[in-house]
PDB file of N, CA and C in Angstrom:
ATOM      1  N   MET A   1     -29.356  -7.464 124.705  1.00  0.00           N
ATOM      2  CA  MET A   1     -28.686  -6.662 123.774  1.00  0.00           C
ATOM      3  C   MET A   1     -29.096  -7.040 122.340  1.00  0.00           C
ATOM      4  N   LYS A   2     -29.530  -6.086 121.666  1.00  0.00           N
ATOM      5  CA  LYS A   2     -30.043  -6.221 120.098  1.00  0.00           C
ATOM      6  C   LYS A   2     -29.132  -6.112 119.204  1.00  0.00           C
ATOM      7  N   GLU A   3     -28.116  -5.312 119.418  1.00  0.00           N
ATOM      8  CA  GLU A   3     -27.135  -4.678 118.637  1.00  0.00           C
ATOM      9  C   GLU A   3     -25.827  -4.185 119.304  1.00  0.00           C
ATOM     10  N   LEU A   4     -24.976  -4.779 118.640  1.00  0.00           N
ATOM     11  CA  LEU A   4     -23.504  -4.057 119.218  1.00  0.00           C
ATOM     12  C   LEU A   4     -22.581  -3.904 117.995  1.00  0.00           C
ATOM     13  N   THR A   5     -22.018  -2.753 118.134  1.00  0.00           N
ATOM     14  CA  THR A   5     -21.076  -2.285 117.179  1.00  0.00           C
ATOM     15  C   THR A   5     -19.631  -1.969 117.838  1.00  0.00           C
ATOM     16  N   ARG A   6     -18.949  -2.684 117.419  1.00  0.00           N
ATOM     17  CA  ARG A   6     -17.415  -2.411 117.752  1.00  0.00           C
ATOM     18  C   ARG A   6     -16.988  -1.377 117.044  1.00  0.00           C
ATOM     19  N   THR A   7     -16.323  -0.448 117.923  1.00  0.00           N
ATOM     20  CA  THR A   7     -15.752   0.769 117.530  1.00  0.00           C
ATOM     21  C   THR A   7     -14.377   0.759 117.499  1.00  0.00           C
ATOM     22  N   GLN A   8     -13.384  -0.371 118.274  1.00  0.00           N
ATOM     23  CA  GLN A   8     -12.145  -0.112 118.212  1.00  0.00           C
ATOM     24  C   GLN A   8     -11.825  -1.337 118.753  1.00  0.00           C
ATOM     25  N   VAL A   9     -10.599  -1.980 117.936  1.00  0.00           N
ATOM     26  CA  VAL A   9     -10.024  -3.242 118.557  1.00  0.00           C
ATOM     27  C   VAL A   9      -8.512  -3.001 118.431  1.00  0.00           C
ATOM     28  N   GLY A  10      -7.922  -2.839 119.706  1.00  0.00           N
ATOM     29  CA  GLY A  10      -6.464  -2.367 119.591  1.00  0.00           C
ATOM     30  C   GLY A  10      -6.393  -0.944 119.273  1.00  0.00           C
ATOM     31  N   GLU A  11      -5.275  -0.649 118.367  1.00  0.00           N
ATOM     32  CA  GLU A  11      -5.019   0.643 117.717  1.00  0.00           C
ATOM     33  C   GLU A  11      -6.116   0.817 116.685  1.00  0.00           C
ATOM     34  N   PHE A  12      -6.945  -0.165 115.765  1.00  0.00           N
ATOM     35  CA  PHE A  12      -7.686   0.026 114.944  1.00  0.00           C
ATOM     36  C   PHE A  12      -9.083   0.282 115.357  1.00  0.00           C
ATOM     37  N   LYS A  13      -9.380   1.695 114.547  1.00  0.00           N
ATOM     38  CA  LYS A  13     -10.488   2.411 115.072  1.00  0.00           C
ATOM     39  C   LYS A  13     -11.500   2.633 113.772  1.00  0.00           C
ATOM     40  N   ILE A  14     -12.898   2.506 114.144  1.00  0.00           N
ATOM     41  CA  ILE A  14     -14.003   2.306 113.165  1.00  0.00           C
ATOM     42  C   ILE A  14     -13.650   3.620 112.161  1.00  0.00           C
ATOM     43  N   GLU A  15     -13.473   4.742 112.682  1.00  0.00           N
ATOM     44  CA  GLU A  15     -13.384   5.956 112.039  1.00  0.00           C
ATOM     45  C   GLU A  15     -12.489   5.890 110.980  1.00  0.00           C
ATOM     46  N   ASP A  16     -11.358   5.034 111.213  1.00  0.00           N
ATOM     47  CA  ASP A  16     -10.110   4.944 110.149  1.00  0.00           C
ATOM     48  C   ASP A  16     -10.451   3.780 109.246  1.00  0.00           C
ATOM     49  N   SER A  17     -11.580   3.184 109.130  1.00  0.00           N
ATOM     50  CA  SER A  17     -11.957   2.130 108.248  1.00  0.00           C
ATOM     51  C   SER A  17     -12.376   2.643 106.934  1.00  0.00           C
ATOM     52  N   ILE A  18     -12.167   1.716 105.969  1.00  0.00           N
ATOM     53  CA  ILE A  18     -12.893   2.036 104.627  1.00  0.00           C
ATOM     54  C   ILE A  18     -13.640   0.811 104.227  1.00  0.00           C
ATOM     55  N   THR A  19     -14.470   0.924 103.142  1.00  0.00           N
ATOM     56  CA  THR A  19     -14.825   0.027 102.566  1.00  0.00           C
ATOM     57  C   THR A  19     -14.341  -0.871 101.450  1.00  0.00           C
ATOM     58  N   ILE A  20     -14.521  -1.991 101.267  1.00  0.00           N
ATOM     59  CA  ILE A  20     -14.220  -3.053 100.049  1.00  0.00           C
ATOM     60  C   ILE A  20     -14.298  -1.877  98.910  1.00  0.00           C
ATOM     61  N   GLN A  21     -15.332  -1.399  98.653  1.00  0.00           N
ATOM     62  CA  GLN A  21     -15.843  -0.294  97.183  1.00  0.00           C
ATOM     63  C   GLN A  21     -14.945   0.766  97.213  1.00  0.00           C
ATOM     64  N   VAL A  22     -14.597   1.327  98.421  1.00  0.00           N
ATOM     65  CA  VAL A  22     -13.832   2.584  98.402  1.00  0.00           C
ATOM     66  C   VAL A  22     -12.447   2.204  98.139  1.00  0.00           C
ATOM     67  N   LEU A  23     -11.902   1.083  98.533  1.00  0.00           N
ATOM     68  CA  LEU A  23     -10.404   0.525  98.300  1.00  0.00           C
ATOM     69  C   LEU A  23     -10.476  -0.019  96.802  1.00  0.00           C
ATOM     70  N   ASP A  24     -11.424  -0.403  96.295  1.00  0.00           N
ATOM     71  CA  ASP A  24     -11.428  -1.023  94.971  1.00  0.00           C
ATOM     72  C   ASP A  24     -11.334   0.276  93.975  1.00  0.00           C
ATOM     73  N   SER A  25     -11.953   1.135  94.467  1.00  0.00           N
ATOM     74  CA  SER A  25     -12.077   2.139  93.489  1.00  0.00           C
ATOM     75  C   SER A  25     -10.760   3.113  93.494  1.00  0.00           C
ATOM     76  N   ASN A  26     -10.019   2.804  94.435  1.00  0.00           N
ATOM     77  CA  ASN A  26      -8.795   3.538  94.427  1.00  0.00           C
ATOM     78  C   ASN A  26      -7.468   2.864  94.438  1.00  0.00           C
ATOM     79  N   LYS A  27      -7.691   1.801  93.972  1.00  0.00           N
ATOM     80  CA  LYS A  27      -6.465   0.386  93.862  1.00  0.00           C
ATOM     81  C   LYS A  27      -5.308   0.864  93.096  1.00  0.00           C
ATOM     82  N   ASP A  28      -5.672   2.043  92.348  1.00  0.00           N
ATOM     83  CA  ASP A  28      -4.484   2.494  91.566  1.00  0.00           C
ATOM     84  C   ASP A  28      -3.763   3.569  92.054  1.00  0.00           C
ATOM     85  N   ASP A  29      -4.365   4.094  92.937  1.00  0.00           N
ATOM     86  CA  ASP A  29      -3.881   5.475  93.987  1.00  0.00           C
ATOM     87  C   ASP A  29      -2.703   4.603  94.718  1.00  0.00           C
ATOM     88  N   LEU A  30      -1.562   4.611  94.486  1.00  0.00           N
ATOM     89  CA  LEU A  30      -0.222   4.137  95.375  1.00  0.00           C
ATOM     90  C   LEU A  30      -0.434   4.696  96.653  1.00  0.00           C
ATOM     91  N   GLN A  31      -0.564   6.028  96.598  1.00  0.00           N
ATOM     92  CA  GLN A  31      -0.663   6.889  97.971  1.00  0.00           C
ATOM     93  C   GLN A  31      -1.848   6.505  98.703  1.00  0.00           C
ATOM     94  N   PHE A  32      -2.677   6.307  98.068  1.00  0.00           N
ATOM     95  CA  PHE A  32      -3.905   6.077  99.196  1.00  0.00           C
ATOM     96  C   PHE A  32      -3.750   4.644  99.659  1.00  0.00           C
ATOM     97  N   VAL A  33      -3.532   3.804  98.687  1.00  0.00           N
ATOM     98  CA  VAL A  33      -3.320   2.416  99.113  1.00  0.00           C
ATOM     99  C   VAL A  33      -2.232   2.326 100.367  1.00  0.00           C
ATOM    100  N   ASN A  34      -1.171   3.121 100.499  1.00  0.00           N
ATOM    101  CA  ASN A  34       0.217   3.015 101.176  1.00  0.00           C
ATOM    102  C   ASN A  34      -0.458   3.579 102.501  1.00  0.00           C
ATOM    103  N   ASP A  35      -1.603   4.579 102.199  1.00  0.00           N
ATOM    104  CA  ASP A  35      -2.028   5.499 103.746  1.00  0.00           C
ATOM    105  C   ASP A  35      -3.134   4.535 104.407  1.00  0.00           C
ATOM    106  N   LYS A  36      -3.810   3.561 103.441  1.00  0.00           N
ATOM    107  CA  LYS A  36      -5.038   3.005 104.151  1.00  0.00           C
ATOM    108  C   LYS A  36      -4.825   1.434 104.477  1.00  0.00           C
ATOM    109  N   VAL A  37      -3.796   0.872 103.659  1.00  0.00           N
ATOM    110  CA  VAL A  37      -3.590  -0.493 103.867  1.00  0.00           C
ATOM    111  C   VAL A  37      -2.375  -0.845 104.875  1.00  0.00           C
ATOM    112  N   ILE A  38      -2.543  -1.503 105.731  1.00  0.00           N
ATOM    113  CA  ILE A  38      -1.714  -1.955 106.601  1.00  0.00           C
ATOM    114  C   ILE A  38      -0.908  -3.294 106.406  1.00  0.00           C
ATOM    115  N   SER A  39       0.338  -3.107 106.146  1.00  0.00           N
ATOM    116  CA  SER A  39       0.929  -4.267 105.825  1.00  0.00           C
ATOM    117  C   SER A  39       0.982  -5.421 106.826  1.00  0.00           C
ATOM    118  N   ILE A  40       1.385  -6.827 106.537  1.00  0.00           N
ATOM    119  CA  ILE A  40       1.514  -7.798 107.659  1.00  0.00           C
ATOM    120  C   ILE A  40       2.698  -7.351 108.443  1.00  0.00           C
ATOM    121  N   GLU A  41       3.908  -7.221 107.858  1.00  0.00           N
ATOM    122  CA  GLU A  41       4.967  -6.617 108.800  1.00  0.00           C
ATOM    123  C   GLU A  41       4.698  -5.519 109.542  1.00  0.00           C
ATOM    124  N   ARG A  42       3.820  -4.364 109.004  1.00  0.00           N
ATOM    125  CA  ARG A  42       3.799  -3.435 109.843  1.00  0.00           C
ATOM    126  C   ARG A  42       2.765  -3.659 110.907  1.00  0.00           C
ATOM    127  N   MET A  43       1.896  -4.552 110.890  1.00  0.00           N
ATOM    128  CA  MET A  43       0.859  -5.131 112.049  1.00  0.00           C
ATOM    129  C   MET A  43       1.705  -5.703 112.955  1.00  0.00           C
ATOM    130  N   PHE A  44       2.472  -6.387 112.747  1.00  0.00           N
ATOM    131  CA  PHE A  44       3.672  -7.021 113.616  1.00  0.00           C
ATOM    132  C   PHE A  44       4.814  -6.360 114.162  1.00  0.00           C
ATOM    133  N   GLU A  45       5.153  -4.927 113.753  1.00  0.00           N
ATOM    134  CA  GLU A  45       5.993  -4.320 113.986  1.00  0.00           C
ATOM    135  C   GLU A  45       6.609  -4.347 115.497  1.00  0.00           C
ATOM    136  N   ASN A  46       5.849  -4.466 116.513  1.00  0.00           N
ATOM    137  CA  ASN A  46       6.180  -4.591 117.795  1.00  0.00           C
ATOM    138  C   ASN A  46       6.647  -6.029 118.120  1.00  0.00           C
ATOM    139  N   SER A  47       6.550  -6.870 117.360  1.00  0.00           N
ATOM    140  CA  SER A  47       6.830  -8.313 117.499  1.00  0.00           C
ATOM    141  C   SER A  47       8.557  -8.536 117.173  1.00  0.00           C
ATOM    142  N   GLN A  48       9.175  -9.301 117.925  1.00  0.00           N
ATOM    143  CA  GLN A  48      10.533  -9.708 117.698  1.00  0.00           C
ATOM    144  C   GLN A  48      10.832  -9.943 116.253  1.00  0.00           C
ATOM    145  N   SER A  49      11.859  -9.861 115.710  1.00  0.00           N
ATOM    146  CA  SER A  49      12.570 -10.299 114.247  1.00  0.00           C
ATOM    147  C   SER A  49      13.537 -11.485 114.267  1.00  0.00           C
ATOM    148  N   LEU A  50      13.722 -12.246 113.256  1.00  0.00           N
ATOM    149  CA  LEU A  50      14.634 -13.070 113.075  1.00  0.00           C
ATOM    150  C   LEU A  50      15.144 -13.181 111.723  1.00  0.00           C
ATOM    151  N   MET A  51      16.394 -13.651 111.309  1.00  0.00           N
ATOM    152  CA  MET A  51      16.729 -13.825 110.042  1.00  0.00           C
ATOM    153  C   MET A  51      16.902 -15.349 109.864  1.00  0.00           C
ATOM    154  N   LEU A  52      16.815 -15.910 108.766  1.00  0.00           N
ATOM    155  CA  LEU A  52      16.881 -17.239 108.618  1.00  0.00           C
ATOM    156  C   LEU A  52      17.907 -17.486 107.465  1.00  0.00           C
ATOM    157  N   GLU A  53      18.894 -18.234 107.234  1.00  0.00           N
ATOM    158  CA  GLU A  53      19.719 -18.480 106.058  1.00  0.00           C
ATOM    159  C   GLU A  53      19.156 -19.402 105.479  1.00  0.00           C
ATOM    160  N   ASP A  54      19.805 -19.317 104.345  1.00  0.00           N
ATOM    161  CA  ASP A  54      18.938 -20.103 102.968  1.00  0.00           C
ATOM    162  C   ASP A  54      18.385 -21.278 103.184  1.00  0.00           C
ATOM    163  N   LYS A  55      19.472 -22.391 103.922  1.00  0.00           N
ATOM    164  CA  LYS A  55      18.816 -23.767 104.133  1.00  0.00           C
ATOM    165  C   LYS A  55      17.587 -23.726 105.309  1.00  0.00           C
ATOM    166  N   LYS A  56      17.806 -23.085 106.416  1.00  0.00           N
ATOM    167  CA  LYS A  56      16.656 -22.873 107.191  1.00  0.00           C
ATOM    168  C   LYS A  56      15.348 -22.071 106.499  1.00  0.00           C
ATOM    169  N   LEU A  57      15.639 -20.877 105.638  1.00  0.00           N
ATOM    170  CA  LEU A  57      14.465 -20.436 105.091  1.00  0.00           C
ATOM    171  C   LEU A  57      13.621 -21.509 104.207  1.00  0.00           C
ATOM    172  N   GLN A  58      14.284 -22.389 103.438  1.00  0.00           N
ATOM    173  CA  GLN A  58      13.809 -23.279 102.669  1.00  0.00           C
ATOM    174  C   GLN A  58      12.798 -24.269 103.628  1.00  0.00           C
ATOM    175  N   MET A  59      13.413 -24.704 104.360  1.00  0.00           N
ATOM    176  CA  MET A  59      12.614 -25.562 105.421  1.00  0.00           C
ATOM    177  C   MET A  59      11.512 -24.804 106.005  1.00  0.00           C
ATOM    178  N   PHE A  60      11.589 -23.594 106.444  1.00  0.00           N
ATOM    179  CA  PHE A  60      10.613 -22.758 107.172  1.00  0.00           C
ATOM    180  C   PHE A  60       9.646 -22.871 106.161  1.00  0.00           C
ATOM    181  N   LEU A  61       9.699 -22.323 104.856  1.00  0.00           N
ATOM    182  CA  LEU A  61       9.089 -22.079 103.730  1.00  0.00           C
ATOM    183  C   LEU A  61       8.254 -23.567 103.218  1.00  0.00           C
ATOM    184  N   ASN A  62       8.746 -24.540 103.537  1.00  0.00           N
ATOM    185  CA  ASN A  62       8.224 -25.757 103.372  1.00  0.00           C
ATOM    186  C   ASN A  62       7.310 -26.309 104.430  1.00  0.00           C
ATOM    187  N   GLY A  63       7.403 -25.721 105.558  1.00  0.00           N
ATOM    188  CA  GLY A  63       6.466 -25.996 106.486  1.00  0.00           C
ATOM    189  C   GLY A  63       7.042 -26.820 107.883  1.00  0.00           C
ATOM    190  N   VAL A  64       8.394 -27.137 107.688  1.00  0.00           N
ATOM    191  CA  VAL A  64       9.099 -28.085 108.454  1.00  0.00           C
ATOM    192  C   VAL A  64       9.459 -26.983 109.865  1.00  0.00           C
ATOM    193  N   LYS A  65       9.289 -27.675 110.932  1.00  0.00           N
ATOM    194  CA  LYS A  65       9.557 -26.898 112.246  1.00  0.00           C
ATOM    195  C   LYS A  65      11.185 -26.926 112.132  1.00  0.00           C
ATOM    196  N   ILE A  66      11.390 -25.429 112.887  1.00  0.00           N
ATOM    197  CA  ILE A  66      12.935 -25.443 112.853  1.00  0.00           C
ATOM    198  C   ILE A  66      13.217 -24.975 114.657  1.00  0.00           C
ATOM    199  N   THR A  67      14.412 -25.791 115.147  1.00  0.00           N
ATOM    200  CA  THR A  67      14.860 -25.436 116.342  1.00  0.00           C
ATOM    201  C   THR A  67      15.286 -24.162 116.494  1.00  0.00           C
ATOM    202  N   GLN A  68      14.576 -23.147 117.417  1.00  0.00           N
ATOM    203  CA  GLN A  68      15.039 -21.873 117.728  1.00  0.00           C
ATOM    204  C   GLN A  68      14.858 -21.771 119.063  1.00  0.00           C
ATOM    205  N   LYS A  69      16.043 -21.233 119.877  1.00  0.00           N
ATOM    206  CA  LYS A  69      16.146 -20.923 121.310  1.00  0.00           C
ATOM    207  C   LYS A  69      16.089 -19.362 121.459  1.00  0.00           C
ATOM    208  N   PHE A  70      14.468 -19.177 121.179  1.00  0.00           N
ATOM    209  CA  PHE A  70      13.850 -17.809 121.620  1.00  0.00           C
ATOM    210  C   PHE A  70      12.928 -17.955 122.349  1.00  0.00           C
ATOM    211  N   ASP A  71      12.251 -16.715 123.059  1.00  0.00           N
ATOM    212  CA  ASP A  71      11.009 -16.994 123.765  1.00  0.00           C
ATOM    213  C   ASP A  71      10.027 -17.244 122.644  1.00  0.00           C
ATOM    214  N   ASP A  72       8.818 -17.872 123.262  1.00  0.00           N
ATOM    215  CA  ASP A  72       8.000 -18.385 122.518  1.00  0.00           C
ATOM    216  C   ASP A  72       7.300 -16.987 122.411  1.00  0.00           C
ATOM    217  N   GLY A  73       6.372 -17.006 120.938  1.00  0.00           N
ATOM    218  CA  GLY A  73       5.600 -15.735 120.508  1.00  0.00           C
ATOM    219  C   GLY A  73       5.831 -15.654 119.219  1.00  0.00           C
ATOM    220  N   PHE A  74       5.352 -14.467 118.382  1.00  0.00           N
ATOM    221  CA  PHE A  74       5.155 -14.382 116.969  1.00  0.00           C
ATOM    222  C   PHE A  74       6.518 -13.682 116.598  1.00  0.00           C
ATOM    223  N   TYR A  75       7.194 -13.738 115.603  1.00  0.00           N
ATOM    224  CA  TYR A  75       8.175 -13.271 115.062  1.00  0.00           C
ATOM    225  C   TYR A  75       8.005 -12.728 113.517  1.00  0.00           C
ATOM    226  N   ARG A  76       8.677 -11.486 113.377  1.00  0.00           N
ATOM    227  CA  ARG A  76       8.633 -11.579 111.850  1.00  0.00           C
ATOM    228  C   ARG A  76      10.328 -12.066 111.345  1.00  0.00           C
ATOM    229  N   VAL A  77       9.650 -12.660 110.118  1.00  0.00           N
ATOM    230  CA  VAL A  77      10.820 -13.581 109.899  1.00  0.00           C
ATOM    231  C   VAL A  77      11.566 -12.881 108.375  1.00  0.00           C
ATOM    232  N   TYR A  78      12.763 -12.429 108.262  1.00  0.00           N
ATOM    233  CA  TYR A  78      13.539 -12.110 107.082  1.00  0.00           C
ATOM    234  C   TYR A  78      14.642 -13.274 106.411  1.00  0.00           C
ATOM    235  N   ASP A  79      14.875 -12.936 105.263  1.00  0.00           N
ATOM    236  CA  ASP A  79      15.832 -13.917 104.550  1.00  0.00           C
ATOM    237  C   ASP A  79      17.349 -12.968 104.895  1.00  0.00           C
ATOM    238  N   MET A  80      18.328 -13.626 104.583  1.00  0.00           N
ATOM    239  CA  MET A  80      19.442 -12.905 104.918  1.00  0.00           C
ATOM    240  C   MET A  80      19.735 -11.644 104.043  1.00  0.00           C
ATOM    241  N   ASN A  81      19.076 -11.073 103.118  1.00  0.00           N
ATOM    242  CA  ASN A  81      19.282  -9.881 102.308  1.00  0.00           C
ATOM    243  C   ASN A  81      18.276  -8.921 103.221  1.00  0.00           C
ATOM    244  N   ASN A  82      17.607  -9.303 104.565  1.00  0.00           N
ATOM    245  CA  ASN A  82      16.837  -8.305 105.194  1.00  0.00           C
ATOM    246  C   ASN A  82      15.409  -8.123 104.404  1.00  0.00           C
ATOM    247  N   VAL A  83      14.999  -9.318 103.400  1.00  0.00           N
ATOM    248  CA  VAL A  83      13.465  -9.286 102.980  1.00  0.00           C
ATOM    249  C   VAL A  83      12.718  -9.707 103.790  1.00  0.00           C
ATOM    250  N   PHE A  84      11.458  -9.107 103.953  1.00  0.00           N
ATOM    251  CA  PHE A  84      10.158  -9.765 104.761  1.00  0.00           C
ATOM    252  C   PHE A  84       9.861 -11.067 104.386  1.00  0.00           C
ATOM    253  N   ILE A  85       9.844 -11.954 104.964  1.00  0.00           N
ATOM    254  CA  ILE A  85       9.413 -13.391 104.380  1.00  0.00           C
ATOM    255  C   ILE A  85       7.818 -13.755 104.967  1.00  0.00           C
ATOM    256  N   GLY A  86       7.576 -13.504 105.857  1.00  0.00           N
ATOM    257  CA  GLY A  86       6.231 -13.580 106.749  1.00  0.00           C
ATOM    258  C   GLY A  86       6.514 -13.657 108.329  1.00  0.00           C
ATOM    259  N   ILE A  87       5.612 -14.374 108.821  1.00  0.00           N
ATOM    260  CA  ILE A  87       5.284 -14.297 110.538  1.00  0.00           C
ATOM    261  C   ILE A  87       5.671 -15.704 110.554  1.00  0.00           C
ATOM    262  N   GLY A  88       6.261 -16.030 111.907  1.00  0.00           N
ATOM    263  CA  GLY A  88       6.772 -17.234 112.233  1.00  0.00           C
ATOM    264  C   GLY A  88       6.287 -17.421 113.830  1.00  0.00           C
ATOM    265  N   ILE A  89       5.850 -18.561 114.284  1.00  0.00           N
ATOM    266  CA  ILE A  89       5.611 -18.525 115.701  1.00  0.00           C
ATOM    267  C   ILE A  89       6.533 -19.678 116.520  1.00  0.00           C
ATOM    268  N   ILE A  90       6.918 -19.088 117.542  1.00  0.00           N
ATOM    269  CA  ILE A  90       7.900 -19.883 118.354  1.00  0.00           C
ATOM    270  C   ILE A  90       7.074 -20.464 119.572  1.00  0.00           C
ATOM    271  N   GLN A  91       7.177 -21.742 119.594  1.00  0.00           N
ATOM    272  CA  GLN A  91       6.740 -22.571 120.806  1.00  0.00           C
ATOM    273  C   GLN A  91       7.486 -23.589 121.112  1.00  0.00           C
ATOM    274  N   ASP A  92       8.045 -23.480 122.482  1.00  0.00           N
ATOM    275  CA  ASP A  92       8.633 -24.775 122.820  1.00  0.00           C
ATOM    276  C   ASP A  92       9.885 -24.665 122.221  1.00  0.00           C
ATOM    277  N   SER A  93      10.557 -23.750 121.870  1.00  0.00           N
ATOM    278  CA  SER A  93      11.762 -23.588 121.020  1.00  0.00           C
ATOM    279  C   SER A  93      11.796 -24.123 119.727  1.00  0.00           C
ATOM    280  N   LEU A  94      10.576 -24.249 119.141  1.00  0.00           N
ATOM    281  CA  LEU A  94      10.390 -24.625 117.782  1.00  0.00           C
ATOM    282  C   LEU A  94       9.886 -23.524 116.913  1.00  0.00           C
ATOM    283  N   LEU A  95      10.005 -23.024 115.761  1.00  0.00           N
ATOM    284  CA  LEU A  95       9.903 -22.088 114.953  1.00  0.00           C
ATOM    285  C   LEU A  95       8.848 -22.821 113.713  1.00  0.00           C
ATOM    286  N   LYS A  96       7.677 -22.267 113.755  1.00  0.00           N
ATOM    287  CA  LYS A  96       6.816 -22.676 112.747  1.00  0.00           C
ATOM    288  C   LYS A  96       6.377 -21.426 111.739  1.00  0.00           C
ATOM    289  N   ARG A  97       6.090 -21.847 110.661  1.00  0.00           N
ATOM    290  CA  ARG A  97       5.601 -20.813 109.601  1.00  0.00           C
ATOM    291  C   ARG A  97       4.068 -20.569 110.166  1.00  0.00           C
ATOM    292  N   ASP A  98       3.386 -19.318 109.867  1.00  0.00           N
ATOM    293  CA  ASP A  98       2.236 -18.768 110.230  1.00  0.00           C
ATOM    294  C   ASP A  98       1.600 -18.227 109.053  1.00  0.00           C
ATOM    295  N   ILE A  99       2.239 -17.208 108.657  1.00  0.00           N
ATOM    296  CA  ILE A  99       1.910 -16.324 107.406  1.00  0.00           C
ATOM    297  C   ILE A  99       3.045 -16.325 106.785  1.00  0.00           C
ATOM    298  N   VAL A 100       2.998 -16.521 105.086  1.00  0.00           N
ATOM    299  CA  VAL A 100       3.892 -16.179 104.172  1.00  0.00           C
ATOM    300  C   VAL A 100       3.823 -15.351 103.246  1.00  0.00           C
ATOM    301  N   ILE A 101       4.464 -14.236 102.884  1.00  0.00           N
ATOM    302  CA  ILE A 101       4.129 -13.338 101.693  1.00  0.00           C
ATOM    303  C   ILE A 101       4.651 -13.974 100.386  1.00  0.00           C
TER     304      ILE A 101
END
């Protein structure tokens, strides 16, 4: 094989993609950005979510693993005001931060 072009990964299709130059030239157009850029929260919309109270949230943000009795996997993490904080991973009943906004 000399060349390979990946045309789709999951729900992401090459025909829906844009170049960095197109994004840069439209960065002030809020509607364009909302239509073309997928937030991390939306990328994980099929993952379960959990809320952390203030003390546990601070620990999470500081990189401390927190005991959580949930199934292993990726979780959308929210504060008590339902504000999206980022993505956490639970493995062996321990939640650790993965991506923080």
